[in-house]
Structure formats: structure tokens, C-alpha cells
Amino acid sequence: MRRIATRRSSVRGKVCSVFTALTMAVVGLGLGSSGAAAEPGLAIRPVRSCEELVKDFDIPGAVAHVTSALTGGGGSTGEPEHCDVRGYVEPAVGFQLRLPTSTYAGRYLQYGCMGLCGVIPPTPFPACGGPRGGDFAVAATDDGHVGQGGFFAITDGTWAADNQAARNDYFYRAPHVVSLAAKRIIAAYYGSPPRRSYFSGCSTGGREGLLLAQRYPTTSTASSRVIRPTSWAR
């Protein structure tokens, strides 16, 4: 049984990766000239330093606190130079937001998580956009709790016991409030909010993509929703 489960997990991971690449490519092509990669002279430059983002953002229903903001990437790292922002939305929705310093073209991509979440998933700059994808600002969230068990943290559900706020964050609130916070921080850094917003997810992230489109239709201007999981009982 363990071998079968491992094989299914491996197949699902490969399908998710392929489907994500394909759908992101389709979404990117569908934008036409408005979604093109930034030309050297057209990139949107920051209007303040990365470190100045460490502060509180009083957003109705999504009060956010940036706890660190450090410049990284560039050079031989294989990634564009960017401002790496870490923080949380009250009460406990952790997030990471990465903001290119010289290649941003007004596009924002938010990643969904997998399983029961509990960790912030990787936030790669998508390969389908601009120089190494650096014309996107990218973000992700742990969905409002920290899972236990190291590598298996996404299978831990103990955080949900007697914690309605954490359950609300996981089931519907976290992806939305992180979107609100990320867009406010983007506006503070570049002087204006993103012109295009996207969501990409697999497994639980697929559920989140559908949820955002239905419950919060103004959150994204386009979605890359990959493989919807089994529906939760209502």
C-alpha cells in the first residue's frame, strides 16, 4: 500500500508540474501586448528602498505586518535581484512576497499551497515571463498556521483543534487577505498596485484558485488553476 501511495504521489506531482507550466504559458500568451515582458527602459522601478517596507499596513480586514525586507538574488544566483519581504496578516497568516528591483512590469502572481499547508511554499519567478520571470512580483502563504513534522508538515492537522480562526484562514480567508496585503505592499514599493494579478495552484492550491474566483472575483484578473482536489463536505 505504501508503494502504491508513493507512486500516486509521484505521478500527481509530475502532472501538477506539467499542467502548471502549460497553463501559465497559456495565460501569459492570452494577455497580448499588455502582458509582455518589460523592456529595459519600461520596467517599473521602486519608489522607496526595500528596507522601508518593514512596517505595519492598516488594511481593513487584513491588517498586515512586514517583519523583514532584504535585497537578494542577482549575480550568479540565477534569479533577478529582488526585495524579499516576510510578514503576516493578523492573526497568524504568514506570507512571503518577492519584488524585483529592476525588471518588474506590473504583474503579480500568487501561489497556492498543498495538502493541509502549514508551510510557505516556494515562490519561483515563472519561467514564462521576462528575463528569468523577473517581471512578476510573486507571493505565497502558509494559510494561517505552522504545521509540525518537518517535511511532512503539510499532512499535520493538529493546528485545527479548537482553533476556529485557523480553520477559517485555511478554508477560505488566507489566500484572499494575503492578496490584499501583497497588493498594498506592491503599491508602497513601486508607487502603484499591479496591473495584472494571477493565481497558480495544485491540490489545495487548485481549491484556493476556484474559491478566490467564486468568493472574491476581483482578487485576480486571470487564474491558472491546476487539478482541483476532492471537494470538502459541506
C-alpha atoms as a PDB file:
ATOM      1  CA  MET A   1       0.000   0.000   0.000  1.00  0.00           C
ATOM      2  CA  ARG A   2       2.850   2.381   0.843  1.00  0.00           C
ATOM      3  CA  ARG A   3       4.434   1.756  -2.570  1.00  0.00           C
ATOM      4  CA  ILE A   4       1.135   2.476  -4.334  1.00  0.00           C
ATOM      5  CA  ALA A   5       0.615   5.671  -2.337  1.00  0.00           C
ATOM      6  CA  THR A   6       4.160   6.824  -3.111  1.00  0.00           C
ATOM      7  CA  ARG A   7       3.677   6.105  -6.813  1.00  0.00           C
ATOM      8  CA  ARG A   8       0.393   8.044  -6.871  1.00  0.00           C
ATOM      9  CA  SER A   9       2.039  10.980  -5.108  1.00  0.00           C
ATOM     10  CA  SER A  10       4.895  10.972  -7.613  1.00  0.00           C
ATOM     11  CA  VAL A  11       2.539  10.862 -10.589  1.00  0.00           C
ATOM     12  CA  ARG A  12       0.407  13.641  -9.118  1.00  0.00           C
ATOM     13  CA  GLY A  13       3.494  15.811  -8.596  1.00  0.00           C
ATOM     14  CA  LYS A  14       4.624  15.316 -12.197  1.00  0.00           C
ATOM     15  CA  VAL A  15       1.157  16.077 -13.551  1.00  0.00           C
ATOM     16  CA  CYS A  16       0.952  19.213 -11.396  1.00  0.00           C
ATOM     17  CA  SER A  17       4.317  20.443 -12.674  1.00  0.00           C
ATOM     18  CA  VAL A  18       3.454  19.861 -16.338  1.00  0.00           C
ATOM     19  CA  PHE A  19      -0.020  21.331 -16.017  1.00  0.00           C
ATOM     20  CA  THR A  20       1.270  24.401 -14.193  1.00  0.00           C
ATOM     21  CA  ALA A  21       3.817  25.074 -16.941  1.00  0.00           C
ATOM     22  CA  LEU A  22       1.219  24.663 -19.673  1.00  0.00           C
ATOM     23  CA  THR A  23      -1.480  26.785 -18.058  1.00  0.00           C
ATOM     24  CA  MET A  24       0.908  29.568 -17.080  1.00  0.00           C
ATOM     25  CA  ALA A  25       2.117  29.663 -20.680  1.00  0.00           C
ATOM     26  CA  VAL A  26      -1.467  29.874 -21.964  1.00  0.00           C
ATOM     27  CA  VAL A  27      -2.413  32.613 -19.522  1.00  0.00           C
ATOM     28  CA  GLY A  28       0.714  34.584 -20.397  1.00  0.00           C
ATOM     29  CA  LEU A  29       0.102  34.350 -24.132  1.00  0.00           C
ATOM     30  CA  GLY A  30      -3.531  35.357 -23.724  1.00  0.00           C
ATOM     31  CA  LEU A  31      -2.593  38.763 -22.335  1.00  0.00           C
ATOM     32  CA  GLY A  32      -1.201  40.083 -25.587  1.00  0.00           C
ATOM     33  CA  SER A  33       0.948  43.199 -25.531  1.00  0.00           C
ATOM     34  CA  SER A  34      -0.260  44.305 -22.090  1.00  0.00           C
ATOM     35  CA  GLY A  35       1.281  41.173 -20.561  1.00  0.00           C
ATOM     36  CA  ALA A  36       4.580  41.302 -22.424  1.00  0.00           C
ATOM     37  CA  ALA A  37       7.880  41.195 -20.576  1.00  0.00           C
ATOM     38  CA  ALA A  38       9.317  44.521 -19.513  1.00  0.00           C
ATOM     39  CA  GLU A  39      11.723  46.186 -21.922  1.00  0.00           C
ATOM     40  CA  PRO A  40      14.854  47.588 -20.264  1.00  0.00           C
ATOM     41  CA  GLY A  41      13.506  51.150 -20.366  1.00  0.00           C
ATOM     42  CA  LEU A  42       9.929  50.232 -19.423  1.00  0.00           C
ATOM     43  CA  ALA A  43      10.425  48.347 -16.166  1.00  0.00           C
ATOM     44  CA  ILE A  44       8.646  49.828 -13.167  1.00  0.00           C
ATOM     45  CA  ARG A  45      11.248  50.929 -10.644  1.00  0.00           C
ATOM     46  CA  PRO A  46      10.818  51.081  -6.859  1.00  0.00           C
ATOM     47  CA  VAL A  47       9.994  54.448  -5.335  1.00  0.00           C
ATOM     48  CA  ARG A  48      11.443  53.508  -1.929  1.00  0.00           C
ATOM     49  CA  SER A  49      14.074  51.200  -0.524  1.00  0.00           C
ATOM     50  CA  CYS A  50      13.387  47.572   0.277  1.00  0.00           C
ATOM     51  CA  GLU A  51      14.092  48.112   3.983  1.00  0.00           C
ATOM     52  CA  GLU A  52      11.421  50.829   4.208  1.00  0.00           C
ATOM     53  CA  LEU A  53       8.731  48.165   3.736  1.00  0.00           C
ATOM     54  CA  VAL A  54       9.287  46.888   7.284  1.00  0.00           C
ATOM     55  CA  LYS A  55       6.216  48.409   8.904  1.00  0.00           C
ATOM     56  CA  ASP A  56       2.510  47.854   9.557  1.00  0.00           C
ATOM     57  CA  PHE A  57      -0.154  48.147   6.866  1.00  0.00           C
ATOM     58  CA  ASP A  58      -3.609  49.061   8.179  1.00  0.00           C
ATOM     59  CA  ILE A  59      -5.779  47.209   5.655  1.00  0.00           C
ATOM     60  CA  PRO A  60      -9.483  46.758   6.566  1.00  0.00           C
ATOM     61  CA  GLY A  61      -9.999  43.114   7.477  1.00  0.00           C
ATOM     62  CA  ALA A  62      -6.380  42.269   6.645  1.00  0.00           C
ATOM     63  CA  VAL A  63      -4.027  44.207   8.915  1.00  0.00           C
ATOM     64  CA  ALA A  64      -0.526  43.209   7.818  1.00  0.00           C
ATOM     65  CA  HIS A  65       2.866  43.404   9.486  1.00  0.00           C
ATOM     66  CA  VAL A  66       6.103  43.210   7.489  1.00  0.00           C
ATOM     67  CA  THR A  67       8.766  41.814   9.797  1.00  0.00           C
ATOM     68  CA  SER A  68      11.712  41.714   7.371  1.00  0.00           C
ATOM     69  CA  ALA A  69      12.592  43.014   3.903  1.00  0.00           C
ATOM     70  CA  LEU A  70      16.011  42.203   2.451  1.00  0.00           C
ATOM     71  CA  THR A  71      17.505  42.569  -1.019  1.00  0.00           C
ATOM     72  CA  GLY A  72      18.648  39.297  -2.581  1.00  0.00           C
ATOM     73  CA  GLY A  73      19.154  37.484  -5.871  1.00  0.00           C
ATOM     74  CA  GLY A  74      21.047  38.886  -8.837  1.00  0.00           C
ATOM     75  CA  GLY A  75      24.567  37.995  -9.898  1.00  0.00           C
ATOM     76  CA  SER A  76      25.165  34.251 -10.152  1.00  0.00           C
ATOM     77  CA  THR A  77      22.058  33.249  -8.170  1.00  0.00           C
ATOM     78  CA  GLY A  78      20.027  32.556 -11.310  1.00  0.00           C
ATOM     79  CA  GLU A  79      17.295  34.915 -10.131  1.00  0.00           C
ATOM     80  CA  PRO A  80      16.654  38.611 -10.732  1.00  0.00           C
ATOM     81  CA  GLU A  81      17.602  40.944  -7.909  1.00  0.00           C
ATOM     82  CA  HIS A  82      14.575  41.379  -5.688  1.00  0.00           C
ATOM     83  CA  CYS A  83      13.274  42.545  -2.336  1.00  0.00           C
ATOM     84  CA  ASP A  84      12.400  39.507  -0.203  1.00  0.00           C
ATOM     85  CA  VAL A  85       9.518  40.512   2.071  1.00  0.00           C
ATOM     86  CA  ARG A  86       8.362  38.376   5.025  1.00  0.00           C
ATOM     87  CA  GLY A  87       5.485  39.045   7.376  1.00  0.00           C
ATOM     88  CA  TYR A  88       1.998  38.063   8.466  1.00  0.00           C
ATOM     89  CA  VAL A  89      -1.611  39.146   8.233  1.00  0.00           C
ATOM     90  CA  GLU A  90      -3.460  39.148  11.566  1.00  0.00           C
ATOM     91  CA  PRO A  91      -3.977  36.933  13.368  1.00  0.00           C
ATOM     92  CA  ALA A  92      -1.350  34.497  12.032  1.00  0.00           C
ATOM     93  CA  VAL A  93      -1.297  34.252   8.226  1.00  0.00           C
ATOM     94  CA  GLY A  94       2.384  34.086   7.314  1.00  0.00           C
ATOM     95  CA  PHE A  95       3.486  35.159   3.841  1.00  0.00           C
ATOM     96  CA  GLN A  96       6.471  35.762   1.600  1.00  0.00           C
ATOM     97  CA  LEU A  97       6.470  38.349  -1.192  1.00  0.00           C
ATOM     98  CA  ARG A  98       9.328  38.822  -3.660  1.00  0.00           C
ATOM     99  CA  LEU A  99       9.574  42.116  -5.555  1.00  0.00           C
ATOM    100  CA  PRO A 100      12.000  42.548  -8.488  1.00  0.00           C
ATOM    101  CA  THR A 101      14.112  45.680  -8.169  1.00  0.00           C
ATOM    102  CA  SER A 102      14.763  46.419 -11.857  1.00  0.00           C
ATOM    103  CA  THR A 103      12.622  44.134 -14.065  1.00  0.00           C
ATOM    104  CA  TYR A 104       9.066  44.417 -12.694  1.00  0.00           C
ATOM    105  CA  ALA A 105       6.387  45.056 -15.346  1.00  0.00           C
ATOM    106  CA  GLY A 106       3.224  45.356 -13.259  1.00  0.00           C
ATOM    107  CA  ARG A 107       2.269  41.681 -12.906  1.00  0.00           C
ATOM    108  CA  TYR A 108       1.549  39.830  -9.653  1.00  0.00           C
ATOM    109  CA  LEU A 109       1.454  36.037  -9.227  1.00  0.00           C
ATOM    110  CA  GLN A 110       0.261  34.307  -6.053  1.00  0.00           C
ATOM    111  CA  TYR A 111       0.940  30.611  -5.460  1.00  0.00           C
ATOM    112  CA  GLY A 112      -1.383  28.211  -3.655  1.00  0.00           C
ATOM    113  CA  CYS A 113      -0.221  25.609  -1.153  1.00  0.00           C
ATOM    114  CA  MET A 114      -0.655  21.834  -0.966  1.00  0.00           C
ATOM    115  CA  GLY A 115      -2.174  19.373   1.483  1.00  0.00           C
ATOM    116  CA  LEU A 116      -3.041  20.990   4.804  1.00  0.00           C
ATOM    117  CA  CYS A 117      -0.472  23.746   4.142  1.00  0.00           C
ATOM    118  CA  GLY A 118       1.359  24.892   7.283  1.00  0.00           C
ATOM    119  CA  VAL A 119       4.483  25.997   5.399  1.00  0.00           C
ATOM    120  CA  ILE A 120       5.059  28.755   2.875  1.00  0.00           C
ATOM    121  CA  PRO A 121       5.595  27.004  -0.475  1.00  0.00           C
ATOM    122  CA  PRO A 122       8.385  28.012  -2.879  1.00  0.00           C
ATOM    123  CA  THR A 123       7.797  31.249  -4.791  1.00  0.00           C
ATOM    124  CA  PRO A 124       9.789  30.907  -8.032  1.00  0.00           C
ATOM    125  CA  PHE A 125       9.747  33.626 -10.620  1.00  0.00           C
ATOM    126  CA  PRO A 126       7.797  31.975 -13.501  1.00  0.00           C
ATOM    127  CA  ALA A 127       9.921  30.941 -16.447  1.00  0.00           C
ATOM    128  CA  CYS A 128       7.284  32.094 -18.942  1.00  0.00           C
ATOM    129  CA  GLY A 129       7.737  35.806 -18.240  1.00  0.00           C
ATOM    130  CA  GLY A 130      10.523  38.256 -18.979  1.00  0.00           C
ATOM    131  CA  PRO A 131      14.172  37.816 -18.047  1.00  0.00           C
ATOM    132  CA  ARG A 132      14.035  34.686 -15.848  1.00  0.00           C
ATOM    133  CA  GLY A 133      10.460  35.617 -14.978  1.00  0.00           C
ATOM    134  CA  GLY A 134      11.606  38.730 -13.186  1.00  0.00           C
ATOM    135  CA  ASP A 135       8.804  40.926 -14.460  1.00  0.00           C
ATOM    136  CA  PHE A 136       6.446  39.323 -11.893  1.00  0.00           C
ATOM    137  CA  ALA A 137       6.065  40.038  -8.199  1.00  0.00           C
ATOM    138  CA  VAL A 138       5.404  36.646  -6.549  1.00  0.00           C
ATOM    139  CA  ALA A 139       3.908  35.601  -3.207  1.00  0.00           C
ATOM    140  CA  ALA A 140       2.689  32.633  -1.159  1.00  0.00           C
ATOM    141  CA  THR A 141       1.245  31.915   2.292  1.00  0.00           C
ATOM    142  CA  ASP A 142       1.215  29.175   4.936  1.00  0.00           C
ATOM    143  CA  ASP A 143      -2.595  29.600   5.148  1.00  0.00           C
ATOM    144  CA  GLY A 144      -2.566  30.808   8.741  1.00  0.00           C
ATOM    145  CA  HIS A 145      -0.776  28.093  10.726  1.00  0.00           C
ATOM    146  CA  VAL A 146       2.570  26.332  11.109  1.00  0.00           C
ATOM    147  CA  GLY A 147       2.498  22.592  10.508  1.00  0.00           C
ATOM    148  CA  GLN A 148       4.565  20.162  12.570  1.00  0.00           C
ATOM    149  CA  GLY A 149       6.634  17.283  11.281  1.00  0.00           C
ATOM    150  CA  GLY A 150       9.277  18.905   9.083  1.00  0.00           C
ATOM    151  CA  PHE A 151       8.981  17.518   5.548  1.00  0.00           C
ATOM    152  CA  PHE A 152       5.526  16.134   6.396  1.00  0.00           C
ATOM    153  CA  ALA A 153       4.196  19.421   7.806  1.00  0.00           C
ATOM    154  CA  ILE A 154       1.545  19.630   5.078  1.00  0.00           C
ATOM    155  CA  THR A 155      -0.061  16.471   6.490  1.00  0.00           C
ATOM    156  CA  ASP A 156      -0.345  17.828  10.057  1.00  0.00           C
ATOM    157  CA  GLY A 157      -3.862  18.780  11.136  1.00  0.00           C
ATOM    158  CA  THR A 158      -3.378  19.213  14.873  1.00  0.00           C
ATOM    159  CA  TRP A 159      -3.406  23.019  14.498  1.00  0.00           C
ATOM    160  CA  ALA A 160      -7.133  22.915  13.677  1.00  0.00           C
ATOM    161  CA  ALA A 161      -8.215  21.550  17.069  1.00  0.00           C
ATOM    162  CA  ASP A 162     -10.203  24.168  18.995  1.00  0.00           C
ATOM    163  CA  ASN A 163      -8.972  26.953  16.707  1.00  0.00           C
ATOM    164  CA  GLN A 164     -11.793  28.326  14.574  1.00  0.00           C
ATOM    165  CA  ALA A 165      -9.702  31.296  13.377  1.00  0.00           C
ATOM    166  CA  ALA A 166      -7.060  28.940  11.987  1.00  0.00           C
ATOM    167  CA  ARG A 167      -9.718  26.833  10.285  1.00  0.00           C
ATOM    168  CA  ASN A 168     -11.250  29.943   8.701  1.00  0.00           C
ATOM    169  CA  ASP A 169      -7.850  31.024   7.420  1.00  0.00           C
ATOM    170  CA  TYR A 170      -7.181  27.622   5.887  1.00  0.00           C
ATOM    171  CA  PHE A 171     -10.592  27.071   4.319  1.00  0.00           C
ATOM    172  CA  TYR A 172     -11.111  30.474   2.715  1.00  0.00           C
ATOM    173  CA  ARG A 173      -9.567  33.582   4.294  1.00  0.00           C
ATOM    174  CA  ALA A 174      -5.775  33.308   3.992  1.00  0.00           C
ATOM    175  CA  PRO A 175      -5.313  33.469   0.179  1.00  0.00           C
ATOM    176  CA  HIS A 176      -7.618  36.482  -0.023  1.00  0.00           C
ATOM    177  CA  VAL A 177      -6.085  38.567   2.772  1.00  0.00           C
ATOM    178  CA  VAL A 178      -2.566  37.823   1.521  1.00  0.00           C
ATOM    179  CA  SER A 179      -3.627  39.073  -1.900  1.00  0.00           C
ATOM    180  CA  LEU A 180      -4.872  42.302  -0.307  1.00  0.00           C
ATOM    181  CA  ALA A 181      -1.692  42.710   1.726  1.00  0.00           C
ATOM    182  CA  ALA A 182       0.624  41.898  -1.183  1.00  0.00           C
ATOM    183  CA  LYS A 183      -1.052  44.430  -3.452  1.00  0.00           C
ATOM    184  CA  ARG A 184      -0.819  47.133  -0.787  1.00  0.00           C
ATOM    185  CA  ILE A 185       2.874  46.403  -0.276  1.00  0.00           C
ATOM    186  CA  ILE A 186       3.451  46.372  -4.044  1.00  0.00           C
ATOM    187  CA  ALA A 187       1.779  49.792  -4.272  1.00  0.00           C
ATOM    188  CA  ALA A 188       4.005  51.102  -1.469  1.00  0.00           C
ATOM    189  CA  TYR A 189       7.163  49.778  -3.141  1.00  0.00           C
ATOM    190  CA  TYR A 190       6.517  50.710  -6.768  1.00  0.00           C
ATOM    191  CA  GLY A 191       4.084  53.616  -6.323  1.00  0.00           C
ATOM    192  CA  SER A 192       1.078  51.799  -7.824  1.00  0.00           C
ATOM    193  CA  PRO A 193      -0.723  48.440  -7.467  1.00  0.00           C
ATOM    194  CA  PRO A 194      -0.200  45.633 -10.011  1.00  0.00           C
ATOM    195  CA  ARG A 195      -1.908  45.961 -13.385  1.00  0.00           C
ATOM    196  CA  ARG A 196      -2.449  42.209 -13.725  1.00  0.00           C
ATOM    197  CA  SER A 197      -2.973  39.601 -10.999  1.00  0.00           C
ATOM    198  CA  TYR A 198      -2.749  35.804 -11.301  1.00  0.00           C
ATOM    199  CA  PHE A 199      -3.139  32.726  -9.130  1.00  0.00           C
ATOM    200  CA  SER A 200      -1.461  29.359  -9.692  1.00  0.00           C
ATOM    201  CA  GLY A 201      -2.105  26.255  -7.617  1.00  0.00           C
ATOM    202  CA  CYS A 202      -2.266  22.473  -7.457  1.00  0.00           C
ATOM    203  CA  SER A 203      -4.043  20.219  -4.945  1.00  0.00           C
ATOM    204  CA  THR A 204      -5.224  22.562  -2.162  1.00  0.00           C
ATOM    205  CA  GLY A 205      -3.991  25.400  -4.341  1.00  0.00           C
ATOM    206  CA  GLY A 206      -6.472  24.321  -7.002  1.00  0.00           C
ATOM    207  CA  ARG A 207      -9.267  24.592  -4.437  1.00  0.00           C
ATOM    208  CA  GLU A 208      -7.987  28.024  -3.448  1.00  0.00           C
ATOM    209  CA  GLY A 209      -7.967  29.196  -7.050  1.00  0.00           C
ATOM    210  CA  LEU A 210     -11.599  28.179  -7.512  1.00  0.00           C
ATOM    211  CA  LEU A 211     -12.524  29.695  -4.160  1.00  0.00           C
ATOM    212  CA  LEU A 212     -10.922  33.047  -4.996  1.00  0.00           C
ATOM    213  CA  ALA A 213     -12.679  33.195  -8.353  1.00  0.00           C
ATOM    214  CA  GLN A 214     -16.067  32.471  -6.802  1.00  0.00           C
ATOM    215  CA  ARG A 215     -15.928  34.222  -3.426  1.00  0.00           C
ATOM    216  CA  TYR A 216     -13.541  37.076  -4.273  1.00  0.00           C
ATOM    217  CA  PRO A 217     -13.865  37.612  -8.041  1.00  0.00           C
ATOM    218  CA  THR A 218     -11.867  40.860  -8.009  1.00  0.00           C
ATOM    219  CA  THR A 219      -8.796  39.244  -6.439  1.00  0.00           C
ATOM    220  CA  SER A 220      -7.317  38.064  -9.758  1.00  0.00           C
ATOM    221  CA  THR A 221      -7.644  39.233 -13.346  1.00  0.00           C
ATOM    222  CA  ALA A 222      -6.650  35.761 -14.538  1.00  0.00           C
ATOM    223  CA  SER A 223      -6.145  32.373 -12.946  1.00  0.00           C
ATOM    224  CA  SER A 224      -4.013  29.323 -13.570  1.00  0.00           C
ATOM    225  CA  ARG A 225      -5.928  26.689 -11.612  1.00  0.00           C
ATOM    226  CA  VAL A 226      -4.409  23.243 -11.683  1.00  0.00           C
ATOM    227  CA  ILE A 227      -6.084  19.954 -10.713  1.00  0.00           C
ATOM    228  CA  ARG A 228      -8.922  20.545  -8.327  1.00  0.00           C
ATOM    229  CA  PRO A 229      -8.848  18.238  -5.270  1.00  0.00           C
ATOM    230  CA  THR A 230     -11.801  16.295  -3.893  1.00  0.00           C
ATOM    231  CA  SER A 231     -14.468  18.689  -2.606  1.00  0.00           C
ATOM    232  CA  TRP A 232     -14.749  19.083   1.145  1.00  0.00           C
ATOM    233  CA  ALA A 233     -18.015  18.009   2.732  1.00  0.00           C
ATOM    234  CA  ARG A 234     -20.378  20.936   3.193  1.00  0.00           C
END
